[in-house]
Amino acid sequence: MAFELWSLFALSALGLACVPGPNSLLALSHGARYGYKKTVWTILGGVSGFFILISVAMFGLGAVLQAKPELMFALQWLGAFYLAWLGLKLWFEDDVNVKSASDAVSVLRRELFKQGYFAALSNPKVLLFFTAFLAQFINPDKPFIPQFLIITVSFLCIEFAVEFGVARLADRVKLMLLANGRIFNQCCGAIFLFLSVMAVVKSFA
């Protein structure tokens, strides 16, 4: 891949990563609650989920979903239910306080990884987006696998850096959340519930 084309892709991927979504919201919430070091596991889970989405998109599943609306419908509802579960979990979460911050060491890394992973997989329309978006940067006259690796690794590194930055920022302003921890959790939970409702609405579009 030519450097000029890669630069355009990297800039586009950075813009995409900066658009607020379930994974960046999760990085924000976990960064404030558990600290940025612990939230790395959430981010790694999300990056793993995006790797799956990019892989299946670039190998053709996006076209299958487009041709099979009923499969897309089922996946959208599954994703909506997961987002709703995250929203309710956050809504009823304990306040962000000194005690919960110090107890964060007890949080299982695999639980944080799992939440990030399934948050990334919660929107099947991302498959269609990746199919259309990534296709613009593939040269059909050159070997596919090297291009796939460059695009995938670049996107995942950019996504990781952006989410890590969000988690780091949330960790820094954690003290500001001490007096309003419950409100913070409920705001994040409400956004997840809103995303869940939007996913259901879009499934009928």
N, C-alpha and C. Protein backbone atom coordinates (compact mmCIF):
# COMPACT_ATOMS: atom_id res chain seq x y z
N MET A 1 0.85 -1.19 0.00
CA MET A 1 0.00 0.00 0.00
C MET A 1 0.89 1.25 0.00
N ALA A 2 0.61 2.15 -0.93
CA ALA A 2 1.38 3.39 -1.01
C ALA A 2 1.18 4.23 0.25
N PHE A 3 2.23 4.97 0.62
CA PHE A 3 2.15 5.76 1.86
C PHE A 3 1.04 6.80 1.79
N GLU A 4 0.84 7.40 0.62
CA GLU A 4 -0.21 8.42 0.47
C GLU A 4 -1.59 7.81 0.73
N LEU A 5 -1.82 6.61 0.21
CA LEU A 5 -3.11 5.94 0.41
C LEU A 5 -3.27 5.52 1.87
N TRP A 6 -2.18 5.03 2.47
CA TRP A 6 -2.24 4.65 3.88
C TRP A 6 -2.53 5.87 4.76
N SER A 7 -1.92 7.01 4.43
CA SER A 7 -2.15 8.23 5.21
C SER A 7 -3.61 8.64 5.15
N LEU A 8 -4.21 8.53 3.97
CA LEU A 8 -5.63 8.85 3.83
C LEU A 8 -6.48 7.90 4.65
N PHE A 9 -6.11 6.61 4.60
CA PHE A 9 -6.84 5.62 5.40
C PHE A 9 -6.70 5.91 6.89
N ALA A 10 -5.48 6.19 7.35
CA ALA A 10 -5.24 6.45 8.77
C ALA A 10 -6.03 7.66 9.25
N LEU A 11 -6.09 8.70 8.43
CA LEU A 11 -6.86 9.89 8.79
C LEU A 11 -8.35 9.57 8.87
N SER A 12 -8.83 8.79 7.92
CA SER A 12 -10.24 8.39 7.92
C SER A 12 -10.56 7.51 9.13
N ALA A 13 -9.66 6.58 9.44
CA ALA A 13 -9.85 5.68 10.59
C ALA A 13 -9.84 6.47 11.89
N LEU A 14 -8.98 7.49 11.98
CA LEU A 14 -8.93 8.33 13.18
C LEU A 14 -10.25 9.07 13.37
N GLY A 15 -10.78 9.59 12.27
CA GLY A 15 -12.08 10.27 12.36
C GLY A 15 -13.17 9.32 12.80
N LEU A 16 -13.15 8.11 12.26
CA LEU A 16 -14.15 7.10 12.64
C LEU A 16 -14.02 6.72 14.11
N ALA A 17 -12.78 6.55 14.59
CA ALA A 17 -12.55 6.15 15.98
C ALA A 17 -12.99 7.24 16.95
N CYS A 18 -12.94 8.50 16.51
CA CYS A 18 -13.31 9.61 17.39
C CYS A 18 -14.82 9.83 17.48
N VAL A 19 -15.58 9.18 16.61
CA VAL A 19 -17.03 9.28 16.69
C VAL A 19 -17.51 8.49 17.91
N PRO A 20 -18.26 9.12 18.83
CA PRO A 20 -18.71 8.41 20.03
C PRO A 20 -19.54 7.17 19.69
N GLY A 21 -19.25 6.09 20.37
CA GLY A 21 -19.99 4.83 20.16
C GLY A 21 -19.95 4.01 21.43
N PRO A 22 -20.52 2.81 21.40
CA PRO A 22 -20.56 1.97 22.61
C PRO A 22 -19.19 1.72 23.23
N ASN A 23 -18.17 1.48 22.41
CA ASN A 23 -16.86 1.15 22.97
C ASN A 23 -16.17 2.35 23.60
N SER A 24 -16.28 3.53 22.96
CA SER A 24 -15.68 4.71 23.56
C SER A 24 -16.41 5.10 24.84
N LEU A 25 -17.72 4.89 24.85
CA LEU A 25 -18.50 5.17 26.05
C LEU A 25 -18.12 4.21 27.18
N LEU A 26 -17.88 2.95 26.82
CA LEU A 26 -17.46 1.96 27.80
C LEU A 26 -16.07 2.30 28.35
N ALA A 27 -15.18 2.77 27.47
CA ALA A 27 -13.85 3.18 27.90
C ALA A 27 -13.94 4.36 28.86
N LEU A 28 -14.85 5.27 28.59
CA LEU A 28 -15.07 6.42 29.47
C LEU A 28 -15.57 5.97 30.84
N SER A 29 -16.59 5.12 30.84
CA SER A 29 -17.18 4.65 32.09
C SER A 29 -16.20 3.82 32.92
N HIS A 30 -15.53 2.88 32.28
CA HIS A 30 -14.59 2.02 32.99
C HIS A 30 -13.34 2.78 33.42
N GLY A 31 -12.92 3.76 32.60
CA GLY A 31 -11.76 4.56 32.97
C GLY A 31 -12.00 5.33 34.26
N ALA A 32 -13.23 5.88 34.39
CA ALA A 32 -13.57 6.62 35.60
C ALA A 32 -13.75 5.69 36.79
N ARG A 33 -14.29 4.52 36.55
CA ARG A 33 -14.62 3.61 37.67
C ARG A 33 -13.44 2.75 38.11
N TYR A 34 -12.69 2.22 37.14
CA TYR A 34 -11.64 1.25 37.47
C TYR A 34 -10.22 1.77 37.26
N GLY A 35 -10.09 2.93 36.59
CA GLY A 35 -8.76 3.44 36.27
C GLY A 35 -8.33 3.00 34.87
N TYR A 36 -7.46 3.77 34.27
CA TYR A 36 -7.10 3.50 32.88
C TYR A 36 -6.31 2.21 32.70
N LYS A 37 -5.52 1.82 33.71
CA LYS A 37 -4.74 0.59 33.57
C LYS A 37 -5.65 -0.62 33.50
N LYS A 38 -6.67 -0.65 34.33
CA LYS A 38 -7.63 -1.76 34.33
C LYS A 38 -8.46 -1.74 33.04
N THR A 39 -8.76 -0.52 32.56
CA THR A 39 -9.62 -0.38 31.38
C THR A 39 -8.93 -0.86 30.11
N VAL A 40 -7.62 -1.03 30.15
CA VAL A 40 -6.90 -1.59 28.99
C VAL A 40 -7.53 -2.91 28.58
N TRP A 41 -8.01 -3.70 29.55
CA TRP A 41 -8.64 -4.99 29.22
C TRP A 41 -9.96 -4.78 28.50
N THR A 42 -10.70 -3.75 28.87
CA THR A 42 -11.93 -3.41 28.14
C THR A 42 -11.61 -3.04 26.70
N ILE A 43 -10.57 -2.23 26.54
CA ILE A 43 -10.18 -1.76 25.21
C ILE A 43 -9.67 -2.92 24.36
N LEU A 44 -8.89 -3.81 24.96
CA LEU A 44 -8.40 -4.99 24.22
C LEU A 44 -9.57 -5.86 23.76
N GLY A 45 -10.60 -5.97 24.61
CA GLY A 45 -11.79 -6.71 24.21
C GLY A 45 -12.46 -6.07 23.01
N GLY A 46 -12.59 -4.74 23.05
CA GLY A 46 -13.20 -4.03 21.93
C GLY A 46 -12.40 -4.17 20.65
N VAL A 47 -11.09 -4.06 20.77
CA VAL A 47 -10.21 -4.21 19.61
C VAL A 47 -10.34 -5.61 19.02
N SER A 48 -10.45 -6.62 19.88
CA SER A 48 -10.64 -8.00 19.40
C SER A 48 -11.96 -8.13 18.65
N GLY A 49 -13.01 -7.49 19.18
CA GLY A 49 -14.30 -7.52 18.49
C GLY A 49 -14.23 -6.85 17.14
N PHE A 50 -13.53 -5.71 17.08
CA PHE A 50 -13.38 -5.02 15.80
C PHE A 50 -12.56 -5.84 14.81
N PHE A 51 -11.60 -6.60 15.32
CA PHE A 51 -10.82 -7.47 14.43
C PHE A 51 -11.73 -8.50 13.76
N ILE A 52 -12.65 -9.06 14.55
CA ILE A 52 -13.60 -10.02 14.00
C ILE A 52 -14.46 -9.35 12.93
N LEU A 53 -14.97 -8.15 13.24
CA LEU A 53 -15.84 -7.44 12.29
C LEU A 53 -15.10 -7.10 10.99
N ILE A 54 -13.88 -6.61 11.12
CA ILE A 54 -13.10 -6.26 9.93
C ILE A 54 -12.81 -7.50 9.10
N SER A 55 -12.46 -8.59 9.78
CA SER A 55 -12.13 -9.83 9.07
C SER A 55 -13.33 -10.35 8.28
N VAL A 56 -14.49 -10.44 8.94
CA VAL A 56 -15.65 -10.99 8.25
C VAL A 56 -16.14 -10.03 7.17
N ALA A 57 -15.97 -8.71 7.40
CA ALA A 57 -16.38 -7.74 6.38
C ALA A 57 -15.52 -7.87 5.14
N MET A 58 -14.22 -7.97 5.34
CA MET A 58 -13.30 -8.02 4.21
C MET A 58 -13.33 -9.37 3.50
N PHE A 59 -13.85 -10.40 4.18
CA PHE A 59 -13.95 -11.71 3.54
C PHE A 59 -15.37 -12.02 3.08
N GLY A 60 -16.25 -11.00 3.11
CA GLY A 60 -17.52 -11.15 2.42
C GLY A 60 -18.80 -11.28 3.20
N LEU A 61 -18.75 -11.36 4.54
CA LEU A 61 -20.00 -11.54 5.27
C LEU A 61 -20.90 -10.32 5.18
N GLY A 62 -20.29 -9.14 5.00
CA GLY A 62 -21.10 -7.93 4.85
C GLY A 62 -22.07 -8.06 3.69
N ALA A 63 -21.60 -8.63 2.59
CA ALA A 63 -22.47 -8.83 1.42
C ALA A 63 -23.57 -9.83 1.73
N VAL A 64 -23.26 -10.85 2.52
CA VAL A 64 -24.26 -11.85 2.90
C VAL A 64 -25.36 -11.21 3.74
N LEU A 65 -24.97 -10.37 4.70
CA LEU A 65 -25.96 -9.70 5.54
C LEU A 65 -26.84 -8.77 4.73
N GLN A 66 -26.25 -8.13 3.73
CA GLN A 66 -27.02 -7.24 2.88
C GLN A 66 -28.04 -8.02 2.05
N ALA A 67 -27.67 -9.24 1.67
CA ALA A 67 -28.57 -10.07 0.86
C ALA A 67 -29.59 -10.81 1.70
N LYS A 68 -29.36 -10.93 3.01
CA LYS A 68 -30.26 -11.66 3.90
C LYS A 68 -30.77 -10.72 4.99
N PRO A 69 -31.79 -9.92 4.70
CA PRO A 69 -32.30 -8.94 5.67
C PRO A 69 -32.75 -9.56 6.99
N GLU A 70 -33.28 -10.80 6.94
CA GLU A 70 -33.77 -11.42 8.16
C GLU A 70 -32.62 -11.73 9.12
N LEU A 71 -31.45 -12.06 8.58
CA LEU A 71 -30.29 -12.31 9.42
C LEU A 71 -29.81 -11.01 10.07
N MET A 72 -29.81 -9.94 9.30
CA MET A 72 -29.44 -8.63 9.83
C MET A 72 -30.41 -8.23 10.94
N PHE A 73 -31.70 -8.46 10.72
CA PHE A 73 -32.73 -8.11 11.70
C PHE A 73 -32.47 -8.82 13.03
N ALA A 74 -32.19 -10.12 12.97
CA ALA A 74 -31.93 -10.90 14.19
C ALA A 74 -30.69 -10.41 14.91
N LEU A 75 -29.63 -10.12 14.17
CA LEU A 75 -28.39 -9.65 14.78
C LEU A 75 -28.56 -8.27 15.41
N GLN A 76 -29.35 -7.41 14.76
CA GLN A 76 -29.59 -6.08 15.31
C GLN A 76 -30.33 -6.16 16.65
N TRP A 77 -31.31 -7.06 16.72
CA TRP A 77 -32.04 -7.21 17.98
C TRP A 77 -31.15 -7.80 19.08
N LEU A 78 -30.29 -8.73 18.70
CA LEU A 78 -29.35 -9.30 19.67
C LEU A 78 -28.43 -8.21 20.20
N GLY A 79 -27.93 -7.37 19.30
CA GLY A 79 -27.07 -6.27 19.71
C GLY A 79 -27.81 -5.27 20.59
N ALA A 80 -29.08 -5.00 20.25
CA ALA A 80 -29.88 -4.06 21.04
C ALA A 80 -30.08 -4.57 22.46
N PHE A 81 -30.34 -5.87 22.60
CA PHE A 81 -30.51 -6.45 23.93
C PHE A 81 -29.23 -6.34 24.76
N TYR A 82 -28.08 -6.55 24.11
CA TYR A 82 -26.83 -6.44 24.85
C TYR A 82 -26.57 -5.01 25.31
N LEU A 83 -26.83 -4.03 24.44
CA LEU A 83 -26.66 -2.63 24.81
C LEU A 83 -27.60 -2.25 25.95
N ALA A 84 -28.83 -2.78 25.90
CA ALA A 84 -29.80 -2.51 26.97
C ALA A 84 -29.31 -3.10 28.29
N TRP A 85 -28.73 -4.30 28.22
CA TRP A 85 -28.20 -4.93 29.43
C TRP A 85 -27.07 -4.10 30.03
N LEU A 86 -26.17 -3.59 29.18
CA LEU A 86 -25.09 -2.73 29.65
C LEU A 86 -25.65 -1.47 30.29
N GLY A 87 -26.67 -0.88 29.64
CA GLY A 87 -27.27 0.33 30.16
C GLY A 87 -27.89 0.14 31.53
N LEU A 88 -28.65 -0.94 31.69
CA LEU A 88 -29.29 -1.22 32.99
C LEU A 88 -28.24 -1.53 34.06
N LYS A 89 -27.18 -2.25 33.66
CA LYS A 89 -26.11 -2.58 34.60
C LYS A 89 -25.45 -1.30 35.12
N LEU A 90 -25.18 -0.35 34.22
CA LEU A 90 -24.58 0.91 34.62
C LEU A 90 -25.54 1.75 35.45
N TRP A 91 -26.81 1.73 35.07
CA TRP A 91 -27.81 2.55 35.75
C TRP A 91 -27.90 2.19 37.25
N PHE A 92 -27.83 0.90 37.55
CA PHE A 92 -27.96 0.45 38.93
C PHE A 92 -26.60 0.22 39.61
N GLU A 93 -25.51 0.64 38.92
CA GLU A 93 -24.17 0.48 39.48
C GLU A 93 -24.00 1.38 40.70
N ASP A 94 -23.12 0.97 41.62
CA ASP A 94 -22.80 1.79 42.78
C ASP A 94 -22.16 3.10 42.35
N ASP A 95 -22.16 4.07 43.26
CA ASP A 95 -21.52 5.35 42.98
C ASP A 95 -20.04 5.16 42.70
N VAL A 96 -19.48 6.09 41.90
CA VAL A 96 -18.03 6.12 41.73
C VAL A 96 -17.47 6.82 42.96
N ASN A 97 -16.86 6.07 43.84
CA ASN A 97 -16.32 6.68 45.05
C ASN A 97 -14.98 6.07 45.40
N VAL A 98 -14.39 6.57 46.48
CA VAL A 98 -13.05 6.11 46.84
C VAL A 98 -13.03 4.62 47.12
N LYS A 99 -14.06 4.14 47.78
CA LYS A 99 -14.12 2.71 48.13
C LYS A 99 -14.21 1.85 46.87
N SER A 100 -15.11 2.23 45.95
CA SER A 100 -15.26 1.42 44.74
C SER A 100 -14.00 1.47 43.89
N ALA A 101 -13.31 2.61 43.92
CA ALA A 101 -12.07 2.73 43.15
C ALA A 101 -10.99 1.81 43.72
N SER A 102 -10.90 1.74 45.04
CA SER A 102 -9.89 0.88 45.65
C SER A 102 -10.24 -0.58 45.52
N ASP A 103 -11.53 -0.89 45.41
CA ASP A 103 -11.96 -2.28 45.27
C ASP A 103 -11.90 -2.76 43.82
N ALA A 104 -11.49 -1.87 42.91
CA ALA A 104 -11.50 -2.22 41.50
C ALA A 104 -10.56 -3.36 41.18
N VAL A 105 -9.57 -3.61 42.05
CA VAL A 105 -8.62 -4.70 41.79
C VAL A 105 -9.32 -6.04 41.77
N SER A 106 -10.52 -6.11 42.38
CA SER A 106 -11.24 -7.38 42.43
C SER A 106 -12.01 -7.66 41.15
N VAL A 107 -12.09 -6.67 40.28
CA VAL A 107 -12.82 -6.86 39.02
C VAL A 107 -12.04 -7.81 38.12
N LEU A 108 -12.70 -8.82 37.63
CA LEU A 108 -12.02 -9.80 36.79
C LEU A 108 -11.67 -9.20 35.44
N ARG A 109 -10.43 -9.42 35.02
CA ARG A 109 -10.00 -8.87 33.75
C ARG A 109 -10.83 -9.43 32.60
N ARG A 110 -11.19 -10.70 32.70
CA ARG A 110 -11.95 -11.30 31.60
C ARG A 110 -13.35 -10.70 31.49
N GLU A 111 -13.90 -10.21 32.62
CA GLU A 111 -15.21 -9.58 32.57
C GLU A 111 -15.14 -8.25 31.83
N LEU A 112 -14.08 -7.47 32.08
CA LEU A 112 -13.88 -6.22 31.36
C LEU A 112 -13.63 -6.50 29.88
N PHE A 113 -12.81 -7.50 29.60
CA PHE A 113 -12.51 -7.87 28.21
C PHE A 113 -13.80 -8.28 27.50
N LYS A 114 -14.62 -9.07 28.18
CA LYS A 114 -15.86 -9.56 27.58
C LYS A 114 -16.82 -8.42 27.26
N GLN A 115 -16.93 -7.46 28.17
CA GLN A 115 -17.82 -6.32 27.92
C GLN A 115 -17.37 -5.52 26.71
N GLY A 116 -16.06 -5.27 26.61
CA GLY A 116 -15.55 -4.55 25.45
C GLY A 116 -15.75 -5.32 24.15
N TYR A 117 -15.53 -6.63 24.22
CA TYR A 117 -15.64 -7.49 23.04
C TYR A 117 -17.07 -7.50 22.50
N PHE A 118 -18.04 -7.72 23.38
CA PHE A 118 -19.43 -7.80 22.93
C PHE A 118 -20.00 -6.43 22.58
N ALA A 119 -19.46 -5.37 23.19
CA ALA A 119 -19.90 -4.02 22.80
C ALA A 119 -19.51 -3.75 21.35
N ALA A 120 -18.33 -4.20 20.95
CA ALA A 120 -17.88 -4.02 19.57
C ALA A 120 -18.75 -4.81 18.59
N LEU A 121 -19.19 -5.99 19.02
CA LEU A 121 -20.00 -6.84 18.15
C LEU A 121 -21.48 -6.52 18.18
N SER A 122 -21.88 -5.53 19.01
CA SER A 122 -23.31 -5.29 19.25
C SER A 122 -24.02 -4.62 18.08
N ASN A 123 -23.29 -4.06 17.13
CA ASN A 123 -23.93 -3.38 16.00
C ASN A 123 -23.53 -4.03 14.69
N PRO A 124 -24.37 -4.92 14.14
CA PRO A 124 -24.01 -5.61 12.89
C PRO A 124 -23.92 -4.68 11.69
N LYS A 125 -24.49 -3.48 11.79
CA LYS A 125 -24.39 -2.55 10.66
C LYS A 125 -22.95 -2.09 10.45
N VAL A 126 -22.12 -2.23 11.50
CA VAL A 126 -20.71 -1.91 11.36
C VAL A 126 -20.07 -2.80 10.29
N LEU A 127 -20.58 -4.03 10.17
CA LEU A 127 -20.07 -4.93 9.13
C LEU A 127 -20.27 -4.32 7.74
N LEU A 128 -21.47 -3.79 7.52
CA LEU A 128 -21.75 -3.19 6.22
C LEU A 128 -20.90 -1.94 6.01
N PHE A 129 -20.72 -1.18 7.08
CA PHE A 129 -19.90 0.02 6.97
C PHE A 129 -18.46 -0.34 6.63
N PHE A 130 -17.90 -1.31 7.36
CA PHE A 130 -16.54 -1.73 7.08
C PHE A 130 -16.41 -2.28 5.66
N THR A 131 -17.43 -3.00 5.21
CA THR A 131 -17.38 -3.56 3.86
C THR A 131 -17.24 -2.45 2.82
N ALA A 132 -18.04 -1.38 2.99
CA ALA A 132 -18.00 -0.27 2.05
C ALA A 132 -16.76 0.60 2.26
N PHE A 133 -16.42 0.85 3.52
CA PHE A 133 -15.31 1.76 3.85
C PHE A 133 -13.96 1.17 3.47
N LEU A 134 -13.70 -0.06 3.89
CA LEU A 134 -12.39 -0.65 3.68
C LEU A 134 -12.14 -0.99 2.22
N ALA A 135 -13.23 -1.24 1.49
CA ALA A 135 -13.07 -1.59 0.07
C ALA A 135 -12.43 -0.46 -0.73
N GLN A 136 -12.57 0.78 -0.23
CA GLN A 136 -12.02 1.93 -0.95
C GLN A 136 -10.49 1.92 -0.94
N PHE A 137 -9.90 1.16 -0.04
CA PHE A 137 -8.45 1.20 0.13
C PHE A 137 -7.77 -0.11 -0.30
N ILE A 138 -8.53 -0.98 -0.92
CA ILE A 138 -7.99 -2.25 -1.41
C ILE A 138 -7.70 -2.14 -2.91
N ASN A 139 -6.50 -2.47 -3.29
CA ASN A 139 -6.11 -2.50 -4.70
C ASN A 139 -6.27 -3.93 -5.21
N PRO A 140 -7.25 -4.19 -6.09
CA PRO A 140 -7.49 -5.56 -6.56
C PRO A 140 -6.34 -6.15 -7.38
N ASP A 141 -5.43 -5.29 -7.84
CA ASP A 141 -4.32 -5.77 -8.65
C ASP A 141 -3.11 -6.20 -7.82
N LYS A 142 -3.23 -6.05 -6.49
CA LYS A 142 -2.13 -6.43 -5.62
C LYS A 142 -2.58 -7.52 -4.65
N PRO A 143 -1.63 -8.28 -4.07
CA PRO A 143 -1.99 -9.36 -3.14
C PRO A 143 -2.90 -8.85 -2.02
N PHE A 144 -3.94 -9.62 -1.71
CA PHE A 144 -4.94 -9.19 -0.75
C PHE A 144 -4.47 -9.25 0.69
N ILE A 145 -3.82 -10.35 1.09
CA ILE A 145 -3.45 -10.58 2.49
C ILE A 145 -2.56 -9.47 3.06
N PRO A 146 -1.48 -9.04 2.35
CA PRO A 146 -0.67 -7.95 2.91
C PRO A 146 -1.48 -6.67 3.12
N GLN A 147 -2.37 -6.37 2.19
CA GLN A 147 -3.22 -5.19 2.32
C GLN A 147 -4.17 -5.33 3.51
N PHE A 148 -4.72 -6.54 3.65
CA PHE A 148 -5.62 -6.82 4.78
C PHE A 148 -4.90 -6.61 6.10
N LEU A 149 -3.67 -7.10 6.21
CA LEU A 149 -2.91 -6.98 7.46
C LEU A 149 -2.58 -5.52 7.76
N ILE A 150 -2.16 -4.78 6.77
CA ILE A 150 -1.82 -3.36 6.97
C ILE A 150 -3.04 -2.57 7.43
N ILE A 151 -4.16 -2.77 6.73
CA ILE A 151 -5.38 -2.04 7.06
C ILE A 151 -5.88 -2.42 8.45
N THR A 152 -5.91 -3.70 8.73
CA THR A 152 -6.44 -4.18 10.01
C THR A 152 -5.59 -3.71 11.18
N VAL A 153 -4.27 -3.92 11.11
CA VAL A 153 -3.38 -3.53 12.20
C VAL A 153 -3.43 -2.01 12.41
N SER A 154 -3.44 -1.26 11.32
CA SER A 154 -3.49 0.20 11.43
C SER A 154 -4.77 0.66 12.11
N PHE A 155 -5.90 0.11 11.68
CA PHE A 155 -7.18 0.53 12.26
C PHE A 155 -7.24 0.18 13.75
N LEU A 156 -6.82 -1.03 14.10
CA LEU A 156 -6.90 -1.46 15.49
C LEU A 156 -5.97 -0.65 16.39
N CYS A 157 -4.80 -0.28 15.90
CA CYS A 157 -3.88 0.56 16.68
C CYS A 157 -4.47 1.94 16.92
N ILE A 158 -5.10 2.49 15.89
CA ILE A 158 -5.72 3.82 16.02
C ILE A 158 -6.89 3.75 16.99
N GLU A 159 -7.72 2.72 16.86
CA GLU A 159 -8.86 2.56 17.75
C GLU A 159 -8.39 2.40 19.20
N PHE A 160 -7.36 1.60 19.40
CA PHE A 160 -6.81 1.40 20.75
C PHE A 160 -6.33 2.72 21.33
N ALA A 161 -5.59 3.50 20.54
CA ALA A 161 -5.02 4.76 21.02
C ALA A 161 -6.11 5.75 21.42
N VAL A 162 -7.17 5.83 20.61
CA VAL A 162 -8.26 6.77 20.91
C VAL A 162 -8.99 6.35 22.19
N GLU A 163 -9.34 5.07 22.30
CA GLU A 163 -10.06 4.60 23.48
C GLU A 163 -9.19 4.71 24.74
N PHE A 164 -7.89 4.45 24.60
CA PHE A 164 -6.99 4.58 25.74
C PHE A 164 -6.94 6.04 26.19
N GLY A 165 -6.94 6.96 25.23
CA GLY A 165 -6.94 8.38 25.56
C GLY A 165 -8.20 8.77 26.32
N VAL A 166 -9.34 8.22 25.90
CA VAL A 166 -10.61 8.49 26.59
C VAL A 166 -10.56 7.96 28.02
N ALA A 167 -10.07 6.72 28.17
CA ALA A 167 -9.98 6.11 29.50
C ALA A 167 -9.00 6.88 30.39
N ARG A 168 -7.90 7.33 29.82
CA ARG A 168 -6.90 8.10 30.58
C ARG A 168 -7.49 9.41 31.06
N LEU A 169 -8.23 10.08 30.19
CA LEU A 169 -8.88 11.34 30.57
C LEU A 169 -9.90 11.12 31.68
N ALA A 170 -10.70 10.06 31.53
CA ALA A 170 -11.71 9.75 32.55
C ALA A 170 -11.05 9.46 33.90
N ASP A 171 -9.92 8.77 33.87
CA ASP A 171 -9.21 8.45 35.09
C ASP A 171 -8.68 9.73 35.76
N ARG A 172 -8.24 10.68 34.95
CA ARG A 172 -7.69 11.92 35.48
C ARG A 172 -8.74 12.78 36.18
N VAL A 173 -9.96 12.76 35.64
CA VAL A 173 -11.02 13.61 36.22
C VAL A 173 -11.89 12.81 37.19
N LYS A 174 -11.40 11.66 37.61
CA LYS A 174 -12.19 10.80 38.50
C LYS A 174 -12.62 11.54 39.77
N LEU A 175 -11.73 12.35 40.33
CA LEU A 175 -12.06 13.05 41.56
C LEU A 175 -13.25 13.98 41.39
N MET A 176 -13.42 14.51 40.18
CA MET A 176 -14.55 15.40 39.92
C MET A 176 -15.87 14.64 39.94
N LEU A 177 -15.78 13.31 39.81
CA LEU A 177 -16.99 12.49 39.76
C LEU A 177 -17.41 11.96 41.13
N LEU A 178 -16.56 12.18 42.13
CA LEU A 178 -16.84 11.59 43.43
C LEU A 178 -18.19 12.04 44.00
N ALA A 179 -18.48 13.33 43.81
CA ALA A 179 -19.73 13.86 44.39
C ALA A 179 -20.94 13.54 43.52
N ASN A 180 -20.70 13.11 42.28
CA ASN A 180 -21.81 12.85 41.36
C ASN A 180 -21.67 11.50 40.67
N GLY A 181 -21.11 10.54 41.39
CA GLY A 181 -20.85 9.24 40.77
C GLY A 181 -22.10 8.55 40.30
N ARG A 182 -23.16 8.64 41.06
CA ARG A 182 -24.41 7.99 40.68
C ARG A 182 -24.96 8.61 39.40
N ILE A 183 -24.89 9.93 39.32
CA ILE A 183 -25.39 10.64 38.13
C ILE A 183 -24.56 10.25 36.91
N PHE A 184 -23.24 10.14 37.08
CA PHE A 184 -22.37 9.76 35.98
C PHE A 184 -22.75 8.38 35.45
N ASN A 185 -22.91 7.42 36.36
CA ASN A 185 -23.29 6.06 35.95
C ASN A 185 -24.63 6.05 35.23
N GLN A 186 -25.59 6.81 35.76
CA GLN A 186 -26.92 6.83 35.16
C GLN A 186 -26.91 7.51 33.80
N CYS A 187 -26.08 8.54 33.64
CA CYS A 187 -25.97 9.19 32.32
C CYS A 187 -25.40 8.22 31.29
N CYS A 188 -24.34 7.50 31.68
CA CYS A 188 -23.75 6.52 30.77
C CYS A 188 -24.75 5.40 30.48
N GLY A 189 -25.45 4.95 31.52
CA GLY A 189 -26.46 3.91 31.33
C GLY A 189 -27.57 4.36 30.41
N ALA A 190 -28.00 5.62 30.56
CA ALA A 190 -29.07 6.16 29.72
C ALA A 190 -28.65 6.22 28.26
N ILE A 191 -27.38 6.55 28.01
CA ILE A 191 -26.89 6.60 26.63
C ILE A 191 -26.90 5.21 26.02
N PHE A 192 -26.48 4.20 26.80
CA PHE A 192 -26.52 2.82 26.29
C PHE A 192 -27.96 2.40 25.99
N LEU A 193 -28.89 2.77 26.85
CA LEU A 193 -30.29 2.44 26.62
C LEU A 193 -30.81 3.14 25.37
N PHE A 194 -30.37 4.40 25.17
CA PHE A 194 -30.76 5.14 23.96
C PHE A 194 -30.22 4.45 22.71
N LEU A 195 -28.95 4.01 22.77
CA LEU A 195 -28.36 3.30 21.63
C LEU A 195 -29.12 2.00 21.36
N SER A 196 -29.58 1.34 22.42
CA SER A 196 -30.35 0.12 22.27
C SER A 196 -31.67 0.40 21.55
N VAL A 197 -32.35 1.46 21.98
CA VAL A 197 -33.62 1.83 21.34
C VAL A 197 -33.40 2.19 19.87
N MET A 198 -32.33 2.93 19.60
CA MET A 198 -32.03 3.33 18.21
C MET A 198 -31.74 2.11 17.35
N ALA A 199 -31.07 1.10 17.94
CA ALA A 199 -30.78 -0.13 17.19
C ALA A 199 -32.09 -0.85 16.81
N VAL A 200 -33.05 -0.85 17.74
CA VAL A 200 -34.35 -1.47 17.44
C VAL A 200 -35.08 -0.70 16.36
N VAL A 201 -35.07 0.64 16.48
CA VAL A 201 -35.74 1.49 15.49
C VAL A 201 -35.13 1.28 14.11
N LYS A 202 -33.79 1.23 14.05
CA LYS A 202 -33.12 1.05 12.76
C LYS A 202 -33.39 -0.32 12.15
N SER A 203 -33.69 -1.30 13.01
CA SER A 203 -33.96 -2.64 12.48
C SER A 203 -35.25 -2.68 11.66
N PHE A 204 -36.13 -1.69 11.89
CA PHE A 204 -37.38 -1.63 11.12
C PHE A 204 -37.26 -0.69 9.93
N ALA A 205 -36.11 -0.02 9.81
CA ALA A 205 -35.94 0.95 8.73
C ALA A 205 -35.73 0.24 7.40
